[in-house]
Amino acid sequence: GRTFGNAGMGWFRQAPGKEREFVAAISWSGGNT
């Protein structure tokens, strides 16, 4: 998709019986994690 370079990206995880939780994220430029 064309907008990947403009998108902030994140990783989340979900264990059985638990809510989805934030793991890590990175800004569109990669300058902020």
All heavy atoms as atom14 arrays in JSON, in Angstrom:
{
  "sequence": "GRTFGNAGMGWFRQAPGKEREFVAAISWSGGNT",
  "atom14_mask": [
    [1, 1, 1, 1, 0, 0, 0, 0, 0, 0, 0, 0, 0, 0],
    [1, 1, 1, 1, 1, 1, 1, 1, 1, 1, 1, 0, 0, 0],
    [1, 1, 1, 1, 1, 1, 1, 0, 0, 0, 0, 0, 0, 0],
    [1, 1, 1, 1, 1, 1, 1, 1, 1, 1, 1, 0, 0, 0],
    [1, 1, 1, 1, 0, 0, 0, 0, 0, 0, 0, 0, 0, 0],
    [1, 1, 1, 1, 1, 1, 1, 1, 0, 0, 0, 0, 0, 0],
    [1, 1, 1, 1, 1, 0, 0, 0, 0, 0, 0, 0, 0, 0],
    [1, 1, 1, 1, 0, 0, 0, 0, 0, 0, 0, 0, 0, 0],
    [1, 1, 1, 1, 1, 1, 1, 1, 0, 0, 0, 0, 0, 0],
    [1, 1, 1, 1, 0, 0, 0, 0, 0, 0, 0, 0, 0, 0],
    [1, 1, 1, 1, 1, 1, 1, 1, 1, 1, 1, 1, 1, 1],
    [1, 1, 1, 1, 1, 1, 1, 1, 1, 1, 1, 0, 0, 0],
    [1, 1, 1, 1, 1, 1, 1, 1, 1, 1, 1, 0, 0, 0],
    [1, 1, 1, 1, 1, 1, 1, 1, 1, 0, 0, 0, 0, 0],
    [1, 1, 1, 1, 1, 0, 0, 0, 0, 0, 0, 0, 0, 0],
    [1, 1, 1, 1, 1, 1, 1, 0, 0, 0, 0, 0, 0, 0],
    [1, 1, 1, 1, 0, 0, 0, 0, 0, 0, 0, 0, 0, 0],
    [1, 1, 1, 1, 1, 1, 1, 1, 1, 0, 0, 0, 0, 0],
    [1, 1, 1, 1, 1, 1, 1, 1, 1, 0, 0, 0, 0, 0],
    [1, 1, 1, 1, 1, 1, 1, 1, 1, 1, 1, 0, 0, 0],
    [1, 1, 1, 1, 1, 1, 1, 1, 1, 0, 0, 0, 0, 0],
    [1, 1, 1, 1, 1, 1, 1, 1, 1, 1, 1, 0, 0, 0],
    [1, 1, 1, 1, 1, 1, 1, 0, 0, 0, 0, 0, 0, 0],
    [1, 1, 1, 1, 1, 0, 0, 0, 0, 0, 0, 0, 0, 0],
    [1, 1, 1, 1, 1, 0, 0, 0, 0, 0, 0, 0, 0, 0],
    [1, 1, 1, 1, 1, 1, 1, 1, 0, 0, 0, 0, 0, 0],
    [1, 1, 1, 1, 1, 1, 0, 0, 0, 0, 0, 0, 0, 0],
    [1, 1, 1, 1, 1, 1, 1, 1, 1, 1, 1, 1, 1, 1],
    [1, 1, 1, 1, 1, 1, 0, 0, 0, 0, 0, 0, 0, 0],
    [1, 1, 1, 1, 0, 0, 0, 0, 0, 0, 0, 0, 0, 0],
    [1, 1, 1, 1, 0, 0, 0, 0, 0, 0, 0, 0, 0, 0],
    [1, 1, 1, 1, 1, 1, 1, 1, 0, 0, 0, 0, 0, 0],
    [1, 1, 1, 1, 1, 1, 1, 0, 0, 0, 0, 0, 0, 0]
  ],
  "atom14_positions": [
    [[0.83, -1.19, 0.0], [0.0, 0.0, 0.0], [0.86, 1.25, 0.0], [1.94, 1.27, 0.57], [0.0, 0.0, 0.0], [0.0, 0.0, 0.0], [0.0, 0.0, 0.0], [0.0, 0.0, 0.0], [0.0, 0.0, 0.0], [0.0, 0.0, 0.0], [0.0, 0.0, 0.0], [0.0, 0.0, 0.0], [0.0, 0.0, 0.0], [0.0, 0.0, 0.0]],
    [[0.36, 2.28, -0.63], [1.14, 3.48, -0.83], [1.4, 4.26, 0.44], [2.31, 5.05, 0.5], [0.44, 4.4, -1.84], [0.32, 3.81, -3.23], [-0.3, 4.83, -4.17], [-1.6, 5.27, -3.69], [-2.26, 6.28, -4.21], [-1.73, 7.0, -5.17], [-3.44, 6.61, -3.73], [0.0, 0.0, 0.0], [0.0, 0.0, 0.0], [0.0, 0.0, 0.0]],
    [[0.56, 4.05, 1.45], [0.65, 4.91, 2.62], [1.55, 4.35, 3.72], [1.61, 4.9, 4.8], [-0.75, 5.13, 3.21], [-1.31, 3.85, 3.57], [-1.64, 5.81, 2.21], [0.0, 0.0, 0.0], [0.0, 0.0, 0.0], [0.0, 0.0, 0.0], [0.0, 0.0, 0.0], [0.0, 0.0, 0.0], [0.0, 0.0, 0.0], [0.0, 0.0, 0.0]],
    [[2.25, 3.22, 3.45], [3.06, 2.63, 4.51], [4.07, 3.61, 5.05], [4.26, 3.72, 6.26], [3.78, 1.37, 3.99], [4.76, 0.81, 4.99], [4.3, 0.04, 6.04], [6.12, 1.05, 4.88], [5.19, -0.48, 6.98], [7.01, 0.53, 5.8], [6.55, -0.23, 6.85], [0.0, 0.0, 0.0], [0.0, 0.0, 0.0], [0.0, 0.0, 0.0]],
    [[4.72, 4.34, 4.17], [5.77, 5.25, 4.59], [5.26, 6.38, 5.45], [6.04, 7.03, 6.14], [0.0, 0.0, 0.0], [0.0, 0.0, 0.0], [0.0, 0.0, 0.0], [0.0, 0.0, 0.0], [0.0, 0.0, 0.0], [0.0, 0.0, 0.0], [0.0, 0.0, 0.0], [0.0, 0.0, 0.0], [0.0, 0.0, 0.0], [0.0, 0.0, 0.0]],
    [[3.97, 6.63, 5.45], [3.38, 7.7, 6.24], [2.72, 7.19, 7.52], [2.15, 7.98, 8.28], [2.32, 8.44, 5.42], [2.93, 9.13, 4.21], [4.05, 9.61, 4.27], [2.19, 9.15, 3.12], [0.0, 0.0, 0.0], [0.0, 0.0, 0.0], [0.0, 0.0, 0.0], [0.0, 0.0, 0.0], [0.0, 0.0, 0.0], [0.0, 0.0, 0.0]],
    [[2.78, 5.89, 7.72], [2.04, 5.29, 8.82], [2.93, 5.01, 10.02], [4.05, 4.51, 9.87], [1.39, 3.98, 8.36], [0.0, 0.0, 0.0], [0.0, 0.0, 0.0], [0.0, 0.0, 0.0], [0.0, 0.0, 0.0], [0.0, 0.0, 0.0], [0.0, 0.0, 0.0], [0.0, 0.0, 0.0], [0.0, 0.0, 0.0], [0.0, 0.0, 0.0]],
    [[2.4, 5.33, 11.2], [3.01, 4.83, 12.41], [2.7, 3.35, 12.51], [1.61, 2.93, 12.12], [0.0, 0.0, 0.0], [0.0, 0.0, 0.0], [0.0, 0.0, 0.0], [0.0, 0.0, 0.0], [0.0, 0.0, 0.0], [0.0, 0.0, 0.0], [0.0, 0.0, 0.0], [0.0, 0.0, 0.0], [0.0, 0.0, 0.0], [0.0, 0.0, 0.0]],
    [[3.63, 2.57, 13.0], [3.45, 1.12, 13.06], [3.59, 0.62, 14.48], [4.38, 1.16, 15.27], [4.48, 0.42, 12.17], [4.45, 0.82, 10.71], [2.91, 0.31, 9.91], [3.05, -1.46, 10.0], [0.0, 0.0, 0.0], [0.0, 0.0, 0.0], [0.0, 0.0, 0.0], [0.0, 0.0, 0.0], [0.0, 0.0, 0.0], [0.0, 0.0, 0.0]],
    [[2.84, -0.41, 14.8], [2.9, -0.94, 16.14], [2.84, -2.46, 16.16], [2.39, -3.08, 15.19], [0.0, 0.0, 0.0], [0.0, 0.0, 0.0], [0.0, 0.0, 0.0], [0.0, 0.0, 0.0], [0.0, 0.0, 0.0], [0.0, 0.0, 0.0], [0.0, 0.0, 0.0], [0.0, 0.0, 0.0], [0.0, 0.0, 0.0], [0.0, 0.0, 0.0]],
    [[3.31, -3.02, 17.25], [3.16, -4.44, 17.54], [2.34, -4.57, 18.83], [2.6, -3.9, 19.82], [4.51, -5.11, 17.74], [5.31, -5.33, 16.49], [6.3, -4.55, 16.0], [5.17, -6.42, 15.58], [6.79, -5.08, 14.83], [6.13, -6.24, 14.55], [4.35, -7.56, 15.53], [6.27, -7.14, 13.48], [4.5, -8.44, 14.48], [5.45, -8.23, 13.46]],
    [[1.36, -5.44, 18.76], [0.54, -5.78, 19.92], [0.59, -7.29, 20.09], [0.97, -8.01, 19.18], [-0.9, -5.33, 19.71], [-1.09, -3.83, 19.8], [-0.67, -3.02, 18.76], [-1.66, -3.25, 20.91], [-0.82, -1.64, 18.83], [-1.81, -1.87, 21.0], [-1.39, -1.07, 19.95], [0.0, 0.0, 0.0], [0.0, 0.0, 0.0], [0.0, 0.0, 0.0]],
    [[0.18, -7.76, 21.25], [0.11, -9.21, 21.46], [-1.1, -9.55, 22.3], [-1.6, -8.72, 23.07], [1.39, -9.73, 22.12], [1.61, -9.25, 23.55], [2.97, -9.7, 24.05], [3.23, -9.28, 25.44], [4.38, -9.43, 26.06], [5.42, -10.01, 25.44], [4.52, -9.03, 27.3], [0.0, 0.0, 0.0], [0.0, 0.0, 0.0], [0.0, 0.0, 0.0]],
    [[-1.55, -10.78, 22.14], [-2.7, -11.25, 22.9], [-2.47, -12.69, 23.32], [-2.31, -13.56, 22.46], [-3.99, -11.13, 22.08], [-5.23, -11.43, 22.89], [-6.49, -10.98, 22.18], [-6.51, -10.75, 20.97], [-7.58, -10.84, 22.94], [0.0, 0.0, 0.0], [0.0, 0.0, 0.0], [0.0, 0.0, 0.0], [0.0, 0.0, 0.0], [0.0, 0.0, 0.0]],
    [[-2.44, -12.91, 24.61], [-2.3, -14.24, 25.16], [-3.69, -14.82, 25.42], [-4.66, -14.07, 25.57], [-1.49, -14.19, 26.45], [0.0, 0.0, 0.0], [0.0, 0.0, 0.0], [0.0, 0.0, 0.0], [0.0, 0.0, 0.0], [0.0, 0.0, 0.0], [0.0, 0.0, 0.0], [0.0, 0.0, 0.0], [0.0, 0.0, 0.0], [0.0, 0.0, 0.0]],
    [[-3.82, -16.14, 25.48], [-5.13, -16.76, 25.72], [-5.77, -16.23, 27.0], [-5.13, -16.18, 28.06], [-4.79, -18.24, 25.85], [-3.54, -18.42, 25.05], [-2.76, -17.14, 25.26], [0.0, 0.0, 0.0], [0.0, 0.0, 0.0], [0.0, 0.0, 0.0], [0.0, 0.0, 0.0], [0.0, 0.0, 0.0], [0.0, 0.0, 0.0], [0.0, 0.0, 0.0]],
    [[-7.02, -15.82, 26.88], [-7.75, -15.34, 28.03], [-7.4, -13.94, 28.48], [-7.92, -13.47, 29.51], [0.0, 0.0, 0.0], [0.0, 0.0, 0.0], [0.0, 0.0, 0.0], [0.0, 0.0, 0.0], [0.0, 0.0, 0.0], [0.0, 0.0, 0.0], [0.0, 0.0, 0.0], [0.0, 0.0, 0.0], [0.0, 0.0, 0.0], [0.0, 0.0, 0.0]],
    [[-6.55, -13.26, 27.73], [-6.14, -11.92, 28.1], [-6.48, -10.92, 27.0], [-6.72, -11.3, 25.86], [-4.64, -11.87, 28.39], [-4.22, -12.69, 29.6], [-2.77, -12.46, 29.93], [-2.36, -13.2, 31.2], [-0.93, -12.95, 31.56], [0.0, 0.0, 0.0], [0.0, 0.0, 0.0], [0.0, 0.0, 0.0], [0.0, 0.0, 0.0], [0.0, 0.0, 0.0]],
    [[-6.5, -9.65, 27.36], [-6.77, -8.62, 26.38], [-5.51, -8.35, 25.54], [-4.4, -8.61, 25.97], [-7.21, -7.33, 27.08], [-8.55, -7.45, 27.79], [-9.03, -6.12, 28.33], [-8.26, -5.15, 28.28], [-10.17, -6.05, 28.81], [0.0, 0.0, 0.0], [0.0, 0.0, 0.0], [0.0, 0.0, 0.0], [0.0, 0.0, 0.0], [0.0, 0.0, 0.0]],
    [[-5.75, -7.8, 24.36], [-4.64, -7.41, 23.51], [-3.87, -6.28, 24.18], [-4.46, -5.34, 24.7], [-5.16, -6.97, 22.14], [-4.1, -6.76, 21.1], [-4.71, -6.59, 19.72], [-5.47, -7.77, 19.32], [-5.93, -7.96, 18.08], [-5.7, -7.04, 17.15], [-6.63, -9.03, 17.79], [0.0, 0.0, 0.0], [0.0, 0.0, 0.0], [0.0, 0.0, 0.0]],
    [[-2.54, -6.38, 24.17], [-1.74, -5.36, 24.83], [-0.66, -4.81, 23.91], [-0.15, -5.5, 23.03], [-1.09, -5.93, 26.1], [-0.07, -7.02, 25.86], [0.68, -7.4, 27.13], [0.49, -6.76, 28.18], [1.5, -8.35, 27.06], [0.0, 0.0, 0.0], [0.0, 0.0, 0.0], [0.0, 0.0, 0.0], [0.0, 0.0, 0.0], [0.0, 0.0, 0.0]],
    [[-0.32, -3.57, 24.15], [0.71, -2.89, 23.4], [2.07, -3.47, 23.71], [2.38, -3.77, 24.86], [0.68, -1.4, 23.76], [1.87, -0.64, 23.28], [2.0, -0.31, 21.94], [2.87, -0.24, 24.16], [3.11, 0.39, 21.48], [3.96, 0.46, 23.73], [4.1, 0.78, 22.38], [0.0, 0.0, 0.0], [0.0, 0.0, 0.0], [0.0, 0.0, 0.0]],
    [[2.89, -3.62, 22.66], [4.26, -4.12, 22.82], [5.28, -3.05, 22.43], [6.17, -2.72, 23.21], [4.5, -5.39, 21.98], [5.95, -5.84, 22.1], [3.55, -6.51, 22.42], [0.0, 0.0, 0.0], [0.0, 0.0, 0.0], [0.0, 0.0, 0.0], [0.0, 0.0, 0.0], [0.0, 0.0, 0.0], [0.0, 0.0, 0.0], [0.0, 0.0, 0.0]],
    [[5.14, -2.54, 21.21], [6.11, -1.55, 20.72], [5.51, -0.79, 19.56], [4.6, -1.28, 18.89], [7.42, -2.23, 20.31], [0.0, 0.0, 0.0], [0.0, 0.0, 0.0], [0.0, 0.0, 0.0], [0.0, 0.0, 0.0], [0.0, 0.0, 0.0], [0.0, 0.0, 0.0], [0.0, 0.0, 0.0], [0.0, 0.0, 0.0], [0.0, 0.0, 0.0]],
    [[6.05, 0.4, 19.3], [5.58, 1.21, 18.18], [6.72, 2.05, 17.64], [7.72, 2.3, 18.34], [4.42, 2.1, 18.61], [0.0, 0.0, 0.0], [0.0, 0.0, 0.0], [0.0, 0.0, 0.0], [0.0, 0.0, 0.0], [0.0, 0.0, 0.0], [0.0, 0.0, 0.0], [0.0, 0.0, 0.0], [0.0, 0.0, 0.0], [0.0, 0.0, 0.0]],
    [[6.55, 2.48, 16.4], [7.6, 3.27, 15.75], [6.92, 4.3, 14.85], [5.93, 4.01, 14.18], [8.55, 2.35, 14.96], [9.76, 3.11, 14.43], [7.83, 1.61, 13.84], [10.88, 2.2, 13.93], [0.0, 0.0, 0.0], [0.0, 0.0, 0.0], [0.0, 0.0, 0.0], [0.0, 0.0, 0.0], [0.0, 0.0, 0.0], [0.0, 0.0, 0.0]],
    [[7.46, 5.51, 14.83], [6.9, 6.58, 14.02], [7.17, 6.31, 12.55], [7.98, 5.45, 12.18], [7.5, 7.92, 14.43], [8.9, 7.9, 14.2], [0.0, 0.0, 0.0], [0.0, 0.0, 0.0], [0.0, 0.0, 0.0], [0.0, 0.0, 0.0], [0.0, 0.0, 0.0], [0.0, 0.0, 0.0], [0.0, 0.0, 0.0], [0.0, 0.0, 0.0]],
    [[6.54, 7.1, 11.68], [6.65, 6.86, 10.24], [8.09, 6.97, 9.75], [8.5, 6.26, 8.84], [5.76, 7.83, 9.46], [6.21, 9.26, 9.52], [5.87, 10.19, 10.45], [7.13, 9.9, 8.63], [6.51, 11.38, 10.18], [7.28, 11.23, 9.07], [7.84, 9.49, 7.49], [8.1, 12.15, 8.42], [8.65, 10.4, 6.83], [8.78, 11.71, 7.31]],
    [[8.85, 7.85, 10.36], [10.24, 8.05, 9.94], [11.19, 7.06, 10.6], [12.34, 6.93, 10.17], [10.67, 9.47, 10.27], [10.76, 9.62, 11.68], [0.0, 0.0, 0.0], [0.0, 0.0, 0.0], [0.0, 0.0, 0.0], [0.0, 0.0, 0.0], [0.0, 0.0, 0.0], [0.0, 0.0, 0.0], [0.0, 0.0, 0.0], [0.0, 0.0, 0.0]],
    [[10.72, 6.42, 11.66], [11.61, 5.55, 12.44], [12.38, 6.31, 13.49], [13.15, 5.73, 14.26], [0.0, 0.0, 0.0], [0.0, 0.0, 0.0], [0.0, 0.0, 0.0], [0.0, 0.0, 0.0], [0.0, 0.0, 0.0], [0.0, 0.0, 0.0], [0.0, 0.0, 0.0], [0.0, 0.0, 0.0], [0.0, 0.0, 0.0], [0.0, 0.0, 0.0]],
    [[12.16, 7.62, 13.54], [12.92, 8.44, 14.48], [12.49, 8.31, 15.92], [13.26, 8.65, 16.83], [0.0, 0.0, 0.0], [0.0, 0.0, 0.0], [0.0, 0.0, 0.0], [0.0, 0.0, 0.0], [0.0, 0.0, 0.0], [0.0, 0.0, 0.0], [0.0, 0.0, 0.0], [0.0, 0.0, 0.0], [0.0, 0.0, 0.0], [0.0, 0.0, 0.0]],
    [[11.28, 7.85, 16.12], [10.76, 7.69, 17.48], [10.27, 6.27, 17.68], [9.51, 5.75, 16.86], [9.62, 8.66, 17.74], [10.1, 10.1, 17.75], [10.87, 10.49, 18.6], [9.65, 10.87, 16.78], [0.0, 0.0, 0.0], [0.0, 0.0, 0.0], [0.0, 0.0, 0.0], [0.0, 0.0, 0.0], [0.0, 0.0, 0.0], [0.0, 0.0, 0.0]],
    [[10.72, 5.64, 18.74], [10.27, 4.29, 19.08], [9.74, 4.28, 20.51], [10.16, 5.09, 21.35], [11.39, 3.25, 18.93], [12.47, 3.6, 19.82], [11.91, 3.2, 17.5], [0.0, 0.0, 0.0], [0.0, 0.0, 0.0], [0.0, 0.0, 0.0], [0.0, 0.0, 0.0], [0.0, 0.0, 0.0], [0.0, 0.0, 0.0], [0.0, 0.0, 0.0]]
  ]
}
